[in-house]
Amino acid sequence: MSELVIFDTSVLVDEAHTGRPRKRIELVEGSVRTSSGVLAELLRGVSRPAEHKFLRALARNHPILTPAEEN
């Protein structure tokens, strides 16, 4: 059984701005998902085209989870 991995906003902000955590992110084993709340926070703060490109790729390559009342 693989583990579910959801990165916190702070990890992805650092990646979008600097690219530093990329290698460690790429080495993560498990099913990577993106939180809709995290994605919304990140999109609100986008200021450069490279950051927007990173977030589009994130949304395209990993299923987006939206919290619901039942979970």
N, C-alpha and C. Protein backbone atom coordinates (compact mmCIF):
# COMPACT_ATOMS: atom_id res chain seq x y z
N MET A 1 0.84 -1.18 0.00
CA MET A 1 0.00 0.00 0.00
C MET A 1 0.89 1.24 0.00
N SER A 2 0.63 2.17 -0.90
CA SER A 2 1.44 3.39 -0.94
C SER A 2 0.84 4.43 -0.01
N GLU A 3 1.68 5.34 0.41
CA GLU A 3 1.24 6.40 1.30
C GLU A 3 0.73 7.58 0.48
N LEU A 4 -0.22 8.29 1.05
CA LEU A 4 -0.74 9.50 0.44
C LEU A 4 0.13 10.66 0.89
N VAL A 5 0.59 11.48 -0.05
CA VAL A 5 1.46 12.61 0.25
C VAL A 5 0.79 13.89 -0.23
N ILE A 6 0.63 14.84 0.70
CA ILE A 6 0.11 16.16 0.37
C ILE A 6 1.09 17.18 0.93
N PHE A 7 1.70 17.96 0.04
CA PHE A 7 2.67 18.95 0.48
C PHE A 7 1.97 20.19 1.03
N ASP A 8 2.55 20.73 2.10
CA ASP A 8 2.06 21.95 2.71
C ASP A 8 2.40 23.15 1.82
N THR A 9 1.65 24.22 1.98
CA THR A 9 1.88 25.43 1.21
C THR A 9 3.33 25.90 1.31
N SER A 10 3.91 25.86 2.49
CA SER A 10 5.27 26.39 2.68
C SER A 10 6.30 25.65 1.82
N VAL A 11 6.15 24.35 1.66
CA VAL A 11 7.08 23.57 0.83
C VAL A 11 6.95 23.98 -0.62
N LEU A 12 5.71 24.12 -1.08
CA LEU A 12 5.49 24.44 -2.48
C LEU A 12 5.82 25.90 -2.80
N VAL A 13 5.66 26.80 -1.83
CA VAL A 13 6.06 28.20 -2.04
C VAL A 13 7.57 28.26 -2.26
N ASP A 14 8.31 27.56 -1.42
CA ASP A 14 9.77 27.53 -1.57
C ASP A 14 10.16 26.96 -2.93
N GLU A 15 9.48 25.92 -3.36
CA GLU A 15 9.77 25.32 -4.66
C GLU A 15 9.44 26.30 -5.79
N ALA A 16 8.29 26.94 -5.72
CA ALA A 16 7.89 27.86 -6.78
C ALA A 16 8.84 29.05 -6.89
N HIS A 17 9.32 29.53 -5.74
CA HIS A 17 10.19 30.71 -5.74
C HIS A 17 11.66 30.39 -6.01
N THR A 18 12.14 29.28 -5.50
CA THR A 18 13.58 29.02 -5.56
C THR A 18 13.97 27.75 -6.31
N GLY A 19 13.07 26.78 -6.35
CA GLY A 19 13.40 25.50 -6.98
C GLY A 19 14.26 24.60 -6.10
N ARG A 20 14.62 25.05 -4.91
CA ARG A 20 15.52 24.28 -4.04
C ARG A 20 14.99 22.92 -3.61
N PRO A 21 13.73 22.80 -3.21
CA PRO A 21 13.28 21.48 -2.72
C PRO A 21 12.99 20.47 -3.82
N ARG A 22 13.15 20.84 -5.07
CA ARG A 22 12.72 19.98 -6.18
C ARG A 22 13.26 18.56 -6.07
N LYS A 23 14.54 18.39 -5.84
CA LYS A 23 15.12 17.03 -5.78
C LYS A 23 14.48 16.21 -4.67
N ARG A 24 14.29 16.82 -3.51
CA ARG A 24 13.68 16.07 -2.40
C ARG A 24 12.22 15.75 -2.71
N ILE A 25 11.52 16.67 -3.35
CA ILE A 25 10.13 16.42 -3.74
C ILE A 25 10.07 15.27 -4.73
N GLU A 26 10.98 15.25 -5.69
CA GLU A 26 10.99 14.20 -6.71
C GLU A 26 11.29 12.82 -6.12
N LEU A 27 11.99 12.77 -5.00
CA LEU A 27 12.35 11.50 -4.38
C LEU A 27 11.25 10.92 -3.47
N VAL A 28 10.21 11.69 -3.22
CA VAL A 28 9.13 11.23 -2.35
C VAL A 28 8.43 10.05 -2.99
N GLU A 29 8.26 9.00 -2.19
CA GLU A 29 7.53 7.83 -2.65
C GLU A 29 6.12 7.88 -2.08
N GLY A 30 5.17 7.55 -2.89
CA GLY A 30 3.78 7.56 -2.45
C GLY A 30 2.92 8.22 -3.50
N SER A 31 1.66 8.32 -3.20
CA SER A 31 0.69 8.92 -4.11
C SER A 31 0.58 10.41 -3.78
N VAL A 32 1.18 11.24 -4.63
CA VAL A 32 1.17 12.68 -4.39
C VAL A 32 -0.16 13.26 -4.84
N ARG A 33 -0.75 14.04 -3.96
CA ARG A 33 -2.00 14.73 -4.24
C ARG A 33 -1.81 16.20 -3.92
N THR A 34 -2.65 17.03 -4.49
CA THR A 34 -2.60 18.47 -4.23
C THR A 34 -3.89 18.87 -3.54
N SER A 35 -3.77 19.62 -2.46
CA SER A 35 -4.94 20.13 -1.77
C SER A 35 -5.47 21.34 -2.53
N SER A 36 -6.78 21.40 -2.74
CA SER A 36 -7.36 22.54 -3.44
C SER A 36 -7.13 23.83 -2.66
N GLY A 37 -7.11 23.74 -1.33
CA GLY A 37 -6.84 24.92 -0.50
C GLY A 37 -5.42 25.42 -0.69
N VAL A 38 -4.47 24.50 -0.71
CA VAL A 38 -3.07 24.86 -0.93
C VAL A 38 -2.90 25.46 -2.32
N LEU A 39 -3.50 24.85 -3.31
CA LEU A 39 -3.39 25.35 -4.68
C LEU A 39 -3.99 26.76 -4.79
N ALA A 40 -5.11 26.99 -4.14
CA ALA A 40 -5.74 28.31 -4.16
C ALA A 40 -4.83 29.36 -3.51
N GLU A 41 -4.23 29.01 -2.37
CA GLU A 41 -3.31 29.93 -1.70
C GLU A 41 -2.13 30.28 -2.60
N LEU A 42 -1.58 29.26 -3.25
CA LEU A 42 -0.42 29.49 -4.11
C LEU A 42 -0.79 30.33 -5.33
N LEU A 43 -1.91 30.04 -5.95
CA LEU A 43 -2.32 30.80 -7.13
C LEU A 43 -2.57 32.27 -6.80
N ARG A 44 -3.06 32.52 -5.61
CA ARG A 44 -3.31 33.90 -5.19
C ARG A 44 -2.01 34.69 -5.07
N GLY A 45 -0.92 34.02 -4.75
CA GLY A 45 0.35 34.70 -4.56
C GLY A 45 1.29 34.69 -5.75
N VAL A 46 0.85 34.15 -6.88
CA VAL A 46 1.71 34.06 -8.06
C VAL A 46 2.06 35.46 -8.57
N SER A 47 3.35 35.67 -8.83
CA SER A 47 3.77 36.96 -9.36
C SER A 47 4.63 36.84 -10.61
N ARG A 48 5.13 35.65 -10.89
CA ARG A 48 5.99 35.46 -12.06
C ARG A 48 5.46 34.34 -12.94
N PRO A 49 5.71 34.42 -14.25
CA PRO A 49 5.26 33.37 -15.16
C PRO A 49 5.79 31.98 -14.79
N ALA A 50 7.02 31.90 -14.31
CA ALA A 50 7.59 30.60 -13.94
C ALA A 50 6.82 29.97 -12.78
N GLU A 51 6.36 30.78 -11.84
CA GLU A 51 5.58 30.27 -10.71
C GLU A 51 4.24 29.74 -11.21
N HIS A 52 3.62 30.47 -12.12
CA HIS A 52 2.33 30.04 -12.67
C HIS A 52 2.50 28.74 -13.44
N LYS A 53 3.57 28.61 -14.19
CA LYS A 53 3.86 27.38 -14.94
C LYS A 53 4.02 26.20 -13.99
N PHE A 54 4.75 26.40 -12.88
CA PHE A 54 4.93 25.35 -11.88
C PHE A 54 3.59 24.89 -11.32
N LEU A 55 2.72 25.84 -10.99
CA LEU A 55 1.42 25.50 -10.40
C LEU A 55 0.50 24.81 -11.40
N ARG A 56 0.55 25.22 -12.65
CA ARG A 56 -0.24 24.52 -13.69
C ARG A 56 0.22 23.07 -13.82
N ALA A 57 1.53 22.86 -13.79
CA ALA A 57 2.07 21.50 -13.89
C ALA A 57 1.66 20.68 -12.67
N LEU A 58 1.71 21.30 -11.51
CA LEU A 58 1.30 20.62 -10.27
C LEU A 58 -0.15 20.17 -10.37
N ALA A 59 -1.02 21.05 -10.81
CA ALA A 59 -2.44 20.71 -10.93
C ALA A 59 -2.69 19.66 -12.01
N ARG A 60 -1.92 19.72 -13.08
CA ARG A 60 -2.10 18.78 -14.19
C ARG A 60 -1.58 17.38 -13.85
N ASN A 61 -0.51 17.31 -13.07
CA ASN A 61 0.17 16.03 -12.85
C ASN A 61 -0.24 15.28 -11.58
N HIS A 62 -0.98 15.94 -10.70
CA HIS A 62 -1.37 15.30 -9.44
C HIS A 62 -2.85 15.58 -9.16
N PRO A 63 -3.61 14.54 -8.82
CA PRO A 63 -5.02 14.75 -8.51
C PRO A 63 -5.21 15.79 -7.40
N ILE A 64 -6.25 16.58 -7.52
CA ILE A 64 -6.55 17.63 -6.55
C ILE A 64 -7.60 17.13 -5.58
N LEU A 65 -7.32 17.23 -4.29
CA LEU A 65 -8.26 16.82 -3.25
C LEU A 65 -8.92 18.06 -2.66
N THR A 66 -10.22 18.00 -2.50
CA THR A 66 -10.96 19.10 -1.87
C THR A 66 -11.59 18.57 -0.59
N PRO A 67 -11.28 19.21 0.53
CA PRO A 67 -11.88 18.75 1.79
C PRO A 67 -13.41 18.84 1.71
N ALA A 68 -14.05 17.86 2.29
CA ALA A 68 -15.51 17.82 2.31
C ALA A 68 -15.96 17.55 3.74
N GLU A 69 -17.18 17.84 4.03
CA GLU A 69 -17.71 17.65 5.37
C GLU A 69 -17.53 16.23 5.88
N GLU A 70 -17.68 15.25 5.01
CA GLU A 70 -17.60 13.86 5.45
C GLU A 70 -16.17 13.37 5.68
N ASN A 71 -15.15 14.14 5.27
CA ASN A 71 -13.79 13.71 5.53
C ASN A 71 -13.03 14.83 6.17
